[in-house]
Protein backbone atom coordinates (compact mmCIF):
# COMPACT_ATOMS: atom_id res chain seq x y z
CA MET A 1 0.00 0.00 0.00
CA PHE A 2 2.79 2.41 0.82
CA GLY A 3 5.42 1.06 -1.57
CA TRP A 4 5.94 4.55 -2.98
CA VAL A 5 7.23 5.81 0.36
CA THR A 6 11.00 5.77 -0.01
CA LEU A 7 13.73 7.74 1.70
CA HIS A 8 13.97 9.87 -1.44
CA VAL A 9 10.25 10.66 -1.31
CA ALA A 10 10.50 11.42 2.41
CA ALA A 11 13.36 13.85 1.76
CA LEU A 12 11.46 15.42 -1.13
CA LEU A 13 8.36 15.96 1.00
CA LEU A 14 10.40 17.50 3.84
CA VAL A 15 12.24 19.84 1.45
CA ALA A 16 8.91 20.78 -0.15
CA ALA A 17 7.49 21.55 3.30
CA LEU A 18 10.52 23.70 4.11
CA PHE A 19 10.31 25.53 0.78
CA GLY A 20 6.57 26.07 1.10
CA GLY A 21 6.90 27.33 4.66
CA MET A 22 9.63 29.76 3.71
CA LEU A 23 7.64 31.00 0.70
CA MET A 24 4.47 31.41 2.75
CA PHE A 25 6.31 33.28 5.48
CA MET A 26 8.08 35.78 3.26
CA ALA A 27 5.48 36.24 0.53
CA VAL A 28 2.23 36.06 2.49
CA PHE A 29 2.53 36.12 6.29
CA THR A 30 5.04 38.92 6.84
CA PRO A 31 3.49 41.37 4.33
CA LEU A 32 0.03 40.59 5.72
CA VAL A 33 1.19 41.31 9.26
CA PHE A 34 2.58 44.70 8.22
CA ARG A 35 -0.58 45.56 6.23
CA SER A 36 -2.95 44.48 9.00
CA LEU A 37 -1.29 45.80 12.15
CA PRO A 38 0.26 49.08 13.24
CA ALA A 39 4.02 49.04 12.75
CA ALA A 40 4.81 48.64 16.46
CA ALA A 41 2.38 45.74 16.88
CA ALA A 42 3.59 44.09 13.65
CA GLY A 43 7.19 44.31 14.83
CA ALA A 44 6.29 42.90 18.25
CA LEU A 45 4.40 40.00 16.67
CA LEU A 46 7.25 39.15 14.31
CA ARG A 47 9.76 39.30 17.17
CA ASP A 48 7.68 36.58 18.84
CA VAL A 49 7.24 34.54 15.64
CA PHE A 50 10.83 34.58 14.34
CA PRO A 51 12.38 32.30 17.00
CA VAL A 52 9.75 29.64 16.30
CA TYR A 53 10.09 30.08 12.53
CA TYR A 54 13.86 29.73 12.64
CA ARG A 55 13.70 26.63 14.86
CA VAL A 56 11.06 24.92 12.72
CA CYS A 57 12.91 25.68 9.48
CA GLY A 58 16.23 24.54 10.93
CA ILE A 59 14.71 21.26 12.13
CA LEU A 60 12.97 20.70 8.78
CA ALA A 61 16.25 21.28 6.92
CA LEU A 62 18.06 18.73 9.09
CA LEU A 63 15.20 16.23 8.90
CA ALA A 64 15.17 16.59 5.10
CA ALA A 65 18.89 15.82 4.92
CA LEU A 66 18.68 12.66 7.03
CA PRO A 67 16.84 10.40 4.53
CA LEU A 68 19.40 11.33 1.86
CA VAL A 69 22.39 10.08 3.86
CA PRO A 70 21.92 6.32 3.30
CA ALA A 71 21.66 6.76 -0.48
CA HIS A 72 25.15 8.32 -0.75
CA ALA A 73 23.85 9.91 -3.96
CA TYR A 74 23.15 13.45 -2.82
CA PRO A 75 26.21 14.84 -1.02
CA ALA A 76 25.75 18.38 -2.40
CA GLU A 77 22.07 18.45 -1.42
CA ILE A 78 22.88 17.18 2.08
CA ALA A 79 25.54 19.88 2.44
CA VAL A 80 23.14 22.58 1.24
CA LEU A 81 20.43 21.48 3.69
CA ILE A 82 22.92 21.38 6.58
CA ALA A 83 24.19 24.84 5.58
CA ALA A 84 20.60 26.11 5.46
CA ALA A 85 19.98 24.69 8.94
CA ALA A 86 23.16 26.39 10.17
CA GLY A 87 21.91 29.64 8.63
CA PHE A 88 18.68 29.35 10.61
CA VAL A 89 20.68 28.80 13.81
CA LEU A 90 22.87 31.81 12.96
CA ALA A 91 19.82 33.96 12.24
CA ASN A 92 18.13 32.90 15.47
CA ARG A 93 21.10 32.99 17.83
CA VAL A 94 23.15 35.89 16.43
CA LEU A 95 21.26 38.10 13.97
CA ARG A 96 17.87 38.18 15.68
CA PRO A 97 19.23 39.25 19.10
CA ALA A 98 21.49 41.86 17.45
CA LEU A 99 18.53 43.21 15.43
CA ASN A 100 16.39 43.42 18.55
CA ARG A 101 19.14 45.24 20.48
CA ALA A 102 19.73 47.71 17.66
CA ARG A 103 16.01 48.47 17.45
CA GLU A 104 15.61 48.82 21.23
CA GLU A 105 18.62 51.13 21.44
CA GLY A 106 17.45 53.24 18.50
CA ARG A 107 20.51 52.47 16.37
CA ASN A 108 18.67 52.73 13.06
CA PRO A 109 21.67 52.46 10.71
CA ALA A 110 22.84 49.31 12.52
CA PHE A 111 19.30 47.93 12.44
CA ARG A 112 18.98 48.54 8.69
CA ARG A 113 22.37 46.93 8.01
CA LEU A 114 21.54 43.88 10.13
CA HIS A 115 18.08 43.62 8.59
CA ARG A 116 19.60 43.66 5.07
CA LEU A 117 22.01 40.93 6.15
CA SER A 118 19.15 38.89 7.60
CA VAL A 119 17.04 39.26 4.45
CA THR A 120 20.02 38.39 2.23
CA LEU A 121 20.72 35.27 4.29
CA HIS A 122 17.07 34.23 4.10
CA LEU A 123 16.93 34.76 0.33
CA ALA A 124 20.13 32.73 -0.11
CA GLN A 125 18.63 29.95 1.98
CA PHE A 126 15.42 30.13 -0.04
CA VAL A 127 17.26 29.84 -3.36
CA ALA A 128 19.39 26.99 -2.01
CA VAL A 129 16.36 25.08 -0.73
CA ALA A 130 14.61 25.66 -4.08
CA ALA A 131 17.63 24.20 -5.89
CA VAL A 132 17.56 21.12 -3.65
CA LEU A 133 13.83 20.75 -4.22
CA ILE A 134 14.27 20.91 -7.99
CA ARG A 135 17.17 18.43 -7.88
CA LEU A 136 15.22 15.94 -5.77
CA ALA A 137 12.10 16.31 -7.94
CA GLN A 138 13.98 15.30 -11.11
């Protein structure tokens, strides 16, 4: 009945979930929050959401890499997923606290610079996860 469930399919589904979650967050959720709430409330909500988002995405990236290990056929994809997971840890443990401090202390230039870095990291992760998704779907 479930003969189609292979490690490859499991990895593909996990990568698709990660990609879909990232796309939904950056293309739908975040813009909707800023359109629907006053700026201060939107920022406060996102400060609460980001730690959970980063943890979930990091775990999904690692879980997606695990089924690929036994096949020994996807070393680049495994490396990309592990790097993406490390990027989520970096964003959560280093960038997010630094962004919050800069905002709280009113250091707007530092905040803008850190925010650009955070967005660039997230876009790089998104493109990398998309590449893995395409590779696994072939």
